[in-house]
N, C-alpha and C. Protein backbone atom coordinates (compact mmCIF):
# COMPACT_ATOMS: atom_id res chain seq x y z
N UNK A 1 6.76 16.97 -31.69
CA UNK A 1 6.52 15.55 -31.87
C UNK A 1 7.75 14.75 -31.45
N UNK A 2 8.94 15.28 -31.69
CA UNK A 2 10.14 14.56 -31.36
C UNK A 2 10.30 14.41 -29.85
N UNK A 3 9.80 15.38 -29.08
CA UNK A 3 9.87 15.30 -27.62
C UNK A 3 9.01 14.15 -27.10
N UNK A 4 7.85 13.98 -27.72
CA UNK A 4 6.94 12.89 -27.32
C UNK A 4 7.59 11.55 -27.63
N UNK A 5 8.18 11.43 -28.81
CA UNK A 5 8.85 10.19 -29.19
C UNK A 5 10.00 9.88 -28.25
N UNK A 6 10.76 10.90 -27.90
CA UNK A 6 11.89 10.73 -26.99
C UNK A 6 11.38 10.29 -25.61
N UNK A 7 10.29 10.94 -25.15
CA UNK A 7 9.71 10.59 -23.86
C UNK A 7 9.33 9.11 -23.79
N UNK A 8 8.58 8.65 -24.79
CA UNK A 8 8.14 7.25 -24.78
C UNK A 8 9.31 6.30 -24.97
N UNK A 9 10.33 6.71 -25.67
CA UNK A 9 11.54 5.90 -25.79
C UNK A 9 12.22 5.72 -24.44
N UNK A 10 12.28 6.82 -23.65
CA UNK A 10 12.84 6.74 -22.31
C UNK A 10 11.99 5.89 -21.38
N UNK A 11 10.67 6.00 -21.51
CA UNK A 11 9.78 5.17 -20.71
C UNK A 11 10.01 3.70 -21.01
N UNK A 12 10.12 3.36 -22.27
CA UNK A 12 10.38 1.97 -22.67
C UNK A 12 11.69 1.48 -22.08
N UNK A 13 12.72 2.31 -22.14
CA UNK A 13 14.03 1.94 -21.60
C UNK A 13 13.93 1.69 -20.10
N UNK A 14 13.28 2.59 -19.38
CA UNK A 14 13.16 2.47 -17.93
C UNK A 14 12.38 1.23 -17.55
N UNK A 15 11.34 0.90 -18.29
CA UNK A 15 10.57 -0.31 -17.98
C UNK A 15 11.41 -1.57 -18.16
N UNK A 16 12.32 -1.57 -19.13
CA UNK A 16 13.21 -2.73 -19.31
C UNK A 16 14.21 -2.83 -18.18
N UNK A 17 14.59 -1.69 -17.60
CA UNK A 17 15.60 -1.68 -16.53
C UNK A 17 15.00 -1.99 -15.15
N UNK A 18 13.67 -1.93 -15.06
CA UNK A 18 13.01 -2.15 -13.78
C UNK A 18 13.12 -3.61 -13.35
N UNK A 19 13.40 -3.81 -12.07
CA UNK A 19 13.40 -5.17 -11.51
C UNK A 19 12.03 -5.41 -10.89
N UNK A 20 11.26 -6.30 -11.47
CA UNK A 20 9.91 -6.57 -11.00
C UNK A 20 9.97 -7.66 -9.93
N UNK A 21 9.09 -7.58 -8.91
CA UNK A 21 9.08 -8.60 -7.87
C UNK A 21 8.55 -9.94 -8.41
N UNK A 22 9.01 -10.99 -7.77
CA UNK A 22 8.54 -12.32 -8.16
C UNK A 22 7.15 -12.53 -7.55
N UNK A 23 6.50 -13.60 -7.99
CA UNK A 23 5.15 -13.91 -7.49
C UNK A 23 5.22 -14.17 -5.98
N UNK A 24 6.26 -14.86 -5.53
CA UNK A 24 6.42 -15.14 -4.11
C UNK A 24 6.56 -13.85 -3.29
N UNK A 25 7.36 -12.92 -3.79
CA UNK A 25 7.54 -11.64 -3.10
C UNK A 25 6.23 -10.85 -3.08
N UNK A 26 5.47 -10.91 -4.16
CA UNK A 26 4.20 -10.19 -4.21
C UNK A 26 3.21 -10.76 -3.21
N UNK A 27 3.15 -12.09 -3.11
CA UNK A 27 2.26 -12.69 -2.10
C UNK A 27 2.66 -12.28 -0.70
N UNK A 28 3.95 -12.31 -0.41
CA UNK A 28 4.43 -11.94 0.92
C UNK A 28 4.10 -10.48 1.21
N UNK A 29 4.36 -9.59 0.25
CA UNK A 29 4.05 -8.16 0.45
C UNK A 29 2.56 -7.92 0.60
N UNK A 30 1.76 -8.61 -0.18
CA UNK A 30 0.31 -8.46 -0.10
C UNK A 30 -0.21 -8.91 1.25
N UNK A 31 0.27 -10.06 1.74
CA UNK A 31 -0.14 -10.54 3.05
C UNK A 31 0.31 -9.60 4.16
N UNK A 32 1.48 -9.03 4.02
CA UNK A 32 1.96 -8.06 5.01
C UNK A 32 1.05 -6.83 5.05
N UNK A 33 0.68 -6.33 3.89
CA UNK A 33 -0.20 -5.16 3.82
C UNK A 33 -1.55 -5.47 4.45
N UNK A 34 -2.13 -6.62 4.10
CA UNK A 34 -3.42 -6.99 4.68
C UNK A 34 -3.31 -7.16 6.20
N UNK A 35 -2.22 -7.73 6.66
CA UNK A 35 -2.03 -7.93 8.10
C UNK A 35 -1.93 -6.59 8.83
N UNK A 36 -1.18 -5.66 8.29
CA UNK A 36 -1.04 -4.34 8.92
C UNK A 36 -2.35 -3.60 8.91
N UNK A 37 -3.08 -3.67 7.80
CA UNK A 37 -4.38 -3.01 7.74
C UNK A 37 -5.36 -3.61 8.75
N UNK A 38 -5.36 -4.94 8.87
CA UNK A 38 -6.24 -5.59 9.82
C UNK A 38 -5.87 -5.19 11.26
N UNK A 39 -4.57 -5.16 11.55
CA UNK A 39 -4.11 -4.77 12.89
C UNK A 39 -4.61 -3.36 13.24
N UNK A 40 -4.40 -2.41 12.32
CA UNK A 40 -4.80 -1.04 12.60
C UNK A 40 -6.31 -0.89 12.66
N UNK A 41 -7.05 -1.67 11.88
CA UNK A 41 -8.50 -1.61 11.95
C UNK A 41 -8.98 -2.05 13.34
N UNK A 42 -8.42 -3.16 13.85
CA UNK A 42 -8.79 -3.62 15.18
C UNK A 42 -8.34 -2.62 16.24
N UNK A 43 -7.13 -2.10 16.10
CA UNK A 43 -6.61 -1.12 17.06
C UNK A 43 -7.48 0.11 17.14
N UNK A 44 -7.82 0.70 15.99
CA UNK A 44 -8.64 1.92 16.00
C UNK A 44 -10.06 1.65 16.43
N UNK A 45 -10.57 0.45 16.13
CA UNK A 45 -11.90 0.08 16.64
C UNK A 45 -11.87 0.04 18.16
N UNK A 46 -10.83 -0.54 18.70
CA UNK A 46 -10.71 -0.61 20.16
C UNK A 46 -10.57 0.77 20.78
N UNK A 47 -9.75 1.61 20.21
CA UNK A 47 -9.58 2.98 20.75
C UNK A 47 -10.89 3.74 20.64
N UNK A 48 -11.58 3.62 19.52
CA UNK A 48 -12.86 4.32 19.34
C UNK A 48 -13.89 3.81 20.34
N UNK A 49 -13.93 2.51 20.55
CA UNK A 49 -14.88 1.95 21.52
C UNK A 49 -14.57 2.43 22.92
N UNK A 50 -13.29 2.48 23.28
CA UNK A 50 -12.90 2.93 24.61
C UNK A 50 -13.27 4.40 24.81
N UNK A 51 -13.01 5.23 23.81
CA UNK A 51 -13.35 6.65 23.93
C UNK A 51 -14.87 6.83 24.02
N UNK A 52 -15.61 6.09 23.23
CA UNK A 52 -17.08 6.16 23.28
C UNK A 52 -17.58 5.75 24.65
N UNK A 53 -17.02 4.67 25.21
CA UNK A 53 -17.41 4.20 26.53
C UNK A 53 -17.13 5.26 27.57
N UNK A 54 -15.93 5.86 27.54
CA UNK A 54 -15.57 6.87 28.51
C UNK A 54 -16.44 8.11 28.39
N UNK A 55 -16.80 8.50 27.18
CA UNK A 55 -17.65 9.67 26.99
C UNK A 55 -19.07 9.41 27.48
N UNK A 56 -19.52 8.16 27.35
CA UNK A 56 -20.87 7.82 27.82
C UNK A 56 -20.96 7.82 29.35
N UNK A 57 -19.81 7.68 30.02
CA UNK A 57 -19.81 7.74 31.49
C UNK A 57 -20.04 9.17 31.99
N UNK A 58 -19.72 10.12 31.15
CA UNK A 58 -19.93 11.53 31.55
C UNK A 58 -21.36 11.87 31.51
């Protein structure tokens, strides 16, 4: 039981030491992630369409 208590005490300490991002940073990071995902979705759609087109020529 003392190990569990020690573990949660350490978790509490680490959470207090953590530097959390601000709301502005979170918005920026979220938009960056959505932008990268959208870019790769369009890129892979284009590559897939090109490969499909080339295979249909055969």
